[in-house]
Amino acid sequence: MLNKVKEFFREVKIEIKKVVFPSRDELMGSTWVVIITVLVISLFLGIVDLGLSKLVGLVLR
């Protein structure tokens, strides 16, 4: 059992060396893309929600 655990961590160490982490500039660029996308989608959904709630209010009068 202990040998399996040691082997697992040995393999993890080998695999982590293969990982290519993004540079700071790439990370910042991706972060801005995510933030802007979330803002645009939330604005769109907010407008749609407001419009639909007004439409339902008019229909139910």
Protein backbone atom coordinates (compact mmCIF):
# COMPACT_ATOMS: atom_id res chain seq x y z
CA MET A 1 0.00 0.00 0.00
CA LEU A 2 2.77 2.42 0.94
CA ASN A 3 4.60 1.61 -2.28
CA LYS A 4 1.53 2.54 -4.31
CA VAL A 5 1.32 5.89 -2.56
CA LYS A 6 5.02 6.56 -3.17
CA GLU A 7 4.64 5.58 -6.83
CA PHE A 8 1.62 7.86 -7.18
CA PHE A 9 3.52 10.87 -5.87
CA ARG A 10 6.52 10.00 -8.02
CA GLU A 11 4.26 10.03 -11.08
CA VAL A 12 2.65 13.30 -9.98
CA LYS A 13 6.11 14.87 -9.73
CA ILE A 14 6.94 13.71 -13.27
CA GLU A 15 3.65 14.99 -14.68
CA ILE A 16 3.84 18.38 -12.97
CA LYS A 17 7.16 18.99 -14.72
CA LYS A 18 5.32 18.66 -18.07
CA VAL A 19 2.81 21.38 -17.22
CA VAL A 20 3.28 24.71 -18.99
CA PHE A 21 1.99 27.48 -16.76
CA PRO A 22 0.84 30.75 -18.38
CA SER A 23 2.98 33.84 -18.10
CA ARG A 24 1.78 36.80 -16.07
CA ASP A 25 0.78 38.68 -19.24
CA GLU A 26 -1.22 35.73 -20.56
CA LEU A 27 -2.92 35.30 -17.21
CA MET A 28 -3.83 39.00 -16.98
CA GLY A 29 -5.15 38.96 -20.56
CA SER A 30 -7.32 35.93 -19.90
CA THR A 31 -8.57 37.45 -16.65
CA TRP A 32 -9.67 40.62 -18.44
CA VAL A 33 -11.45 38.58 -21.11
CA VAL A 34 -13.37 36.70 -18.40
CA ILE A 35 -14.26 39.88 -16.48
CA ILE A 36 -15.50 41.70 -19.60
CA THR A 37 -17.46 38.66 -20.80
CA VAL A 38 -19.17 38.30 -17.41
CA LEU A 39 -20.07 42.01 -17.36
CA VAL A 40 -21.50 41.93 -20.89
CA ILE A 41 -23.53 38.78 -20.27
CA SER A 42 -24.83 40.03 -16.91
CA LEU A 43 -25.84 43.35 -18.50
CA PHE A 44 -27.63 41.51 -21.32
CA LEU A 45 -29.42 39.17 -18.92
CA GLY A 46 -30.39 42.09 -16.67
CA ILE A 47 -31.95 43.94 -19.61
CA VAL A 48 -33.79 40.80 -20.77
CA ASP A 49 -35.04 40.16 -17.23
CA LEU A 50 -36.25 43.74 -16.87
CA GLY A 51 -38.01 43.59 -20.24
CA LEU A 52 -39.68 40.28 -19.50
CA SER A 53 -40.83 41.39 -16.06
CA LYS A 54 -42.40 44.53 -17.58
CA LEU A 55 -44.03 42.39 -20.30
CA VAL A 56 -45.48 39.98 -17.74
CA GLY A 57 -46.70 42.96 -15.69
CA LEU A 58 -48.53 44.35 -18.72
CA VAL A 59 -50.06 40.98 -19.59
CA LEU A 60 -51.32 40.36 -16.05
CA ARG A 61 -53.06 43.76 -15.72
